[in-house]
Amino acid sequence: VVWDTDDLNGVDDDGNGFVDDLIGWDFIGSDNDPRPTNFHGTHVAGIVGACGDNAMGVIGVAGGEGAGTGALLMPLLVGNNAPDGSILDDAILYAADNGARVISMSLSVGESEAIEDALTYAHDTMGVFINSSSGNENSSVNFPATDPHVMAVGATDHDDVRADLATWGSNFGPELEVVAPGVNSLSTRLGDTYNAGGGTSYASPHVAGTAALMFSRNPPVTNQE
């Protein structure tokens, strides 16, 4: 059970400025329902935390072995068909202030001082590990993956080489720090379905899930360590 509907009381019980934000927040609609209309975020989330050992679908990198044993997810909606950079900083600050240990972004937006400040705060002050997809234009790494507080993630194929397909190619450059599987990745989709897809968006959550597993084994470890 994701939440107890009896807890939806219309009151900001924890005093964080968000009412009934039991599982996350929709920064587009300013409400407590972060469910998207596009499958992208659901696919990303499944790669991190789809529950294992339940004879259903797929298992996420940090999905655990049965209900309640995997990583906890905090879905924050910052766009449906495209990310909105004007509210991304708010989502980053929310995650950092509400207990996230890992922030995973599968998006690209224009550079802004507000986002850079939010990333600095999350990483340096709150100790959050942050990773982001490098982009799919077969070109240079996109922002926010270029930010020094973010681990830039590229995509590889099943032969463990850079993904370079006819329709997209994994971005690369000096900011790139790690690569992960990003071609034909099977994961969760809307409507209790599953499908495969490709892109650095699906490589990035592999890194986030791995970071979550590492922190679960050694909670005091720092980002640098």
Protein backbone atom coordinates (compact mmCIF):
# COMPACT_ATOMS: atom_id res chain seq x y z
CA VAL A 1 0.00 0.00 0.00
CA VAL A 2 1.56 3.27 -1.11
CA TRP A 3 -0.39 5.36 1.38
CA ASP A 4 -3.31 5.29 3.79
CA THR A 5 -6.05 7.51 2.37
CA ASP A 6 -7.17 8.26 5.94
CA ASP A 7 -4.00 10.33 6.24
CA LEU A 8 -5.27 12.73 3.56
CA ASN A 9 -6.65 15.33 5.94
CA GLY A 10 -6.00 18.59 4.07
CA VAL A 11 -3.52 19.69 6.73
CA ASP A 12 0.22 20.36 6.48
CA ASP A 13 0.93 18.02 9.41
CA ASP A 14 4.72 18.16 9.16
CA GLY A 15 4.85 21.90 8.57
CA ASN A 16 6.98 21.69 5.43
CA GLY A 17 4.72 23.93 3.37
CA PHE A 18 3.11 21.11 1.36
CA VAL A 19 -0.29 19.64 2.20
CA ASP A 20 -0.73 15.86 2.23
CA ASP A 21 2.54 15.21 0.39
CA LEU A 22 2.64 11.58 1.49
CA ILE A 23 4.64 10.25 -1.46
CA GLY A 24 5.92 13.33 -3.27
CA TRP A 25 4.66 16.43 -5.04
CA ASP A 26 3.45 17.68 -8.40
CA PHE A 27 5.33 20.92 -9.01
CA ILE A 28 3.38 21.49 -12.23
CA GLY A 29 -0.09 21.38 -10.71
CA SER A 30 0.99 22.28 -7.15
CA ASP A 31 -0.75 19.29 -5.62
CA ASN A 32 0.06 16.01 -3.89
CA ASP A 33 -0.56 13.75 -6.91
CA PRO A 34 2.77 13.31 -8.76
CA ARG A 35 1.42 10.72 -11.21
CA PRO A 36 2.42 11.68 -14.76
CA THR A 37 0.46 11.49 -17.98
CA ASN A 38 3.63 10.44 -19.83
CA PHE A 39 5.29 7.05 -19.21
CA HIS A 40 8.85 8.43 -19.01
CA GLY A 41 9.08 8.95 -15.25
CA THR A 42 7.33 5.67 -14.51
CA HIS A 43 9.85 3.81 -16.65
CA VAL A 44 12.72 5.56 -14.84
CA ALA A 45 11.24 4.81 -11.41
CA GLY A 46 10.86 1.13 -12.21
CA ILE A 47 14.54 0.78 -13.07
CA VAL A 48 15.36 2.05 -9.58
CA GLY A 49 12.71 0.49 -7.42
CA ALA A 50 10.40 -2.05 -9.05
CA CYS A 51 9.72 -4.66 -6.36
CA GLY A 52 11.43 -8.02 -6.76
CA ASP A 53 10.54 -11.58 -5.79
CA ASN A 54 6.84 -11.06 -6.49
CA ALA A 55 6.46 -12.99 -9.78
CA MET A 56 5.48 -9.74 -11.51
CA GLY A 57 7.08 -7.69 -14.24
CA VAL A 58 10.65 -6.58 -13.58
CA ILE A 59 12.93 -5.96 -10.61
CA GLY A 60 14.60 -2.60 -10.06
CA VAL A 61 18.27 -2.22 -9.23
CA ALA A 62 17.29 -1.36 -5.64
CA GLY A 63 13.86 -2.98 -5.72
CA GLY A 64 14.50 -5.39 -2.89
CA GLU A 65 13.28 -8.93 -2.41
CA GLY A 66 9.61 -8.50 -1.63
CA ALA A 67 7.34 -5.69 -0.51
CA GLY A 68 8.89 -3.16 1.86
CA THR A 69 12.51 -4.23 1.35
CA GLY A 70 13.60 -1.97 -1.50
CA ALA A 71 14.47 1.69 -1.87
CA LEU A 72 11.77 4.21 -1.03
CA LEU A 73 10.85 6.47 -3.94
CA MET A 74 9.91 10.17 -3.74
CA PRO A 75 8.33 11.02 -7.12
CA LEU A 76 8.48 14.73 -7.95
CA LEU A 77 6.72 15.81 -11.12
CA VAL A 78 8.47 18.64 -12.99
CA GLY A 79 6.89 18.07 -16.39
CA ASN A 80 4.90 15.62 -18.46
CA ASN A 81 6.06 15.77 -22.06
CA ALA A 82 9.07 17.97 -21.23
CA PRO A 83 10.75 19.20 -18.04
CA ASP A 84 10.11 22.72 -16.76
CA GLY A 85 13.42 24.25 -15.71
CA SER A 86 11.69 27.06 -13.83
CA ILE A 87 10.48 24.63 -11.14
CA LEU A 88 13.30 22.08 -11.17
CA ASP A 89 15.17 23.99 -8.45
CA ASP A 90 12.07 23.80 -6.23
CA ALA A 91 11.92 20.02 -6.66
CA ILE A 92 15.62 19.62 -5.87
CA LEU A 93 15.27 21.69 -2.70
CA TYR A 94 12.16 19.73 -1.71
CA ALA A 95 13.97 16.41 -2.11
CA ALA A 96 16.96 17.59 -0.11
CA ASP A 97 14.85 19.05 2.70
CA ASN A 98 12.55 16.04 2.97
CA GLY A 99 15.09 13.28 3.44
CA ALA A 100 16.16 12.11 -0.02
CA ARG A 101 19.59 10.48 -0.04
CA VAL A 102 19.76 10.19 -3.83
CA ILE A 103 18.38 12.53 -6.50
CA SER A 104 18.14 11.03 -9.97
CA MET A 105 17.28 13.22 -12.95
CA SER A 106 16.53 11.94 -16.43
CA LEU A 107 16.17 15.28 -18.16
CA SER A 108 17.92 18.24 -19.72
CA VAL A 109 17.07 21.91 -19.18
CA GLY A 110 18.69 25.28 -19.74
CA GLU A 111 21.31 26.39 -17.26
CA SER A 112 20.12 28.63 -14.45
CA GLU A 113 21.62 30.05 -11.28
CA ALA A 114 18.60 28.88 -9.29
CA ILE A 115 19.17 25.24 -10.31
CA GLU A 116 22.91 25.49 -9.69
CA ASP A 117 22.28 26.91 -6.20
CA ALA A 118 19.78 24.14 -5.44
CA LEU A 119 22.24 21.47 -6.55
CA THR A 120 24.99 22.99 -4.43
CA TYR A 121 22.71 23.06 -1.39
CA ALA A 122 21.52 19.47 -1.89
CA HIS A 123 25.02 18.08 -2.44
CA ASP A 124 27.20 20.16 -0.13
CA THR A 125 24.84 21.05 2.71
CA MET A 126 22.48 18.08 2.81
CA GLY A 127 24.87 15.38 1.52
CA VAL A 128 22.60 14.15 -1.27
CA PHE A 129 24.10 12.09 -4.08
CA ILE A 130 22.90 13.47 -7.44
CA ASN A 131 23.07 11.96 -10.91
CA SER A 132 21.60 12.94 -14.26
CA SER A 133 21.40 11.65 -17.81
CA SER A 134 23.95 13.09 -20.24
CA GLY A 135 21.44 13.48 -23.11
CA ASN A 136 20.69 11.70 -26.38
CA GLU A 137 21.83 14.05 -29.13
CA ASN A 138 25.11 12.25 -29.89
CA SER A 139 26.81 15.46 -28.83
CA SER A 140 28.15 17.20 -25.73
CA VAL A 141 26.79 16.59 -22.22
CA ASN A 142 23.67 18.57 -21.32
CA PHE A 143 22.82 20.54 -18.18
CA PRO A 144 22.26 19.69 -15.33
CA ALA A 145 24.62 16.74 -15.90
CA THR A 146 27.40 19.26 -16.53
CA ASP A 147 27.08 20.71 -13.04
CA PRO A 148 30.06 19.73 -10.82
CA HIS A 149 27.73 18.44 -8.11
CA VAL A 150 26.03 16.00 -10.48
CA MET A 151 27.33 12.64 -11.74
CA ALA A 152 26.81 12.66 -15.51
CA VAL A 153 25.59 9.30 -16.82
CA GLY A 154 25.95 8.05 -20.37
CA ALA A 155 24.31 4.99 -21.92
CA THR A 156 25.86 1.76 -23.18
CA ASP A 157 24.41 -1.08 -25.23
CA HIS A 158 24.48 -4.84 -24.62
CA ASP A 159 28.06 -5.00 -25.91
CA ASP A 160 29.08 -2.47 -23.24
CA VAL A 161 29.98 0.24 -25.74
CA ARG A 162 28.53 3.74 -26.10
CA ALA A 163 24.97 3.69 -27.35
CA ASP A 164 24.96 5.12 -30.89
CA LEU A 165 21.80 4.16 -32.72
CA ALA A 166 20.15 5.49 -35.84
CA THR A 167 17.66 7.57 -33.86
CA TRP A 168 19.79 8.70 -30.89
CA GLY A 169 23.28 8.59 -29.46
CA SER A 170 24.54 8.90 -25.90
CA ASN A 171 26.08 12.32 -25.26
CA PHE A 172 29.72 12.36 -24.25
CA GLY A 173 32.51 14.71 -23.23
CA PRO A 174 34.83 15.62 -20.36
CA GLU A 175 31.94 15.94 -17.87
CA LEU A 176 30.86 12.32 -18.37
CA GLU A 177 31.67 10.31 -15.23
CA VAL A 178 30.05 6.90 -15.64
CA VAL A 179 28.00 4.84 -18.09
CA ALA A 180 25.22 2.32 -17.52
CA PRO A 181 22.81 0.17 -19.54
CA GLY A 182 20.50 2.31 -21.66
CA VAL A 183 19.40 0.28 -24.68
CA ASN A 184 16.27 -1.90 -24.77
CA SER A 185 15.72 -1.48 -21.01
CA LEU A 186 12.54 -3.22 -19.85
CA SER A 187 10.66 -1.43 -17.07
CA THR A 188 7.33 -0.31 -15.69
CA ARG A 189 4.86 1.75 -17.70
CA LEU A 190 1.51 3.43 -17.06
CA GLY A 191 -1.57 1.28 -16.54
CA ASP A 192 0.25 -1.63 -14.84
CA THR A 193 2.11 -2.49 -18.04
CA TYR A 194 5.75 -3.02 -19.02
CA ASN A 195 7.76 -2.09 -22.08
CA ALA A 196 11.31 -1.58 -23.29
CA GLY A 197 12.94 1.72 -24.19
CA GLY A 198 16.30 3.35 -24.69
CA GLY A 199 18.19 6.50 -23.80
CA THR A 200 20.46 7.98 -21.19
CA SER A 201 17.27 8.60 -19.19
CA TYR A 202 17.22 4.88 -18.51
CA ALA A 203 20.94 4.65 -17.80
CA SER A 204 20.72 7.31 -15.09
CA PRO A 205 18.41 5.37 -12.72
CA HIS A 206 20.75 2.36 -12.88
CA VAL A 207 23.34 4.60 -11.21
CA ALA A 208 20.82 5.95 -8.69
CA GLY A 209 19.79 2.43 -7.73
CA THR A 210 23.41 1.40 -7.29
CA ALA A 211 24.04 4.45 -5.08
CA ALA A 212 20.98 3.55 -2.99
CA LEU A 213 22.31 0.01 -2.48
CA MET A 214 25.72 1.37 -1.46
CA PHE A 215 24.17 3.76 1.08
CA SER A 216 22.01 0.95 2.45
CA ARG A 217 25.18 -1.06 3.19
CA ASN A 218 27.11 1.88 4.61
CA PRO A 219 24.76 4.75 5.60
CA PRO A 220 27.43 7.15 6.94
CA VAL A 221 29.47 7.15 3.71
CA THR A 222 29.89 10.57 2.09
CA ASN A 223 29.42 11.52 -1.55
CA GLN A 224 33.17 11.87 -2.02
CA GLU A 225 33.86 8.47 -0.46
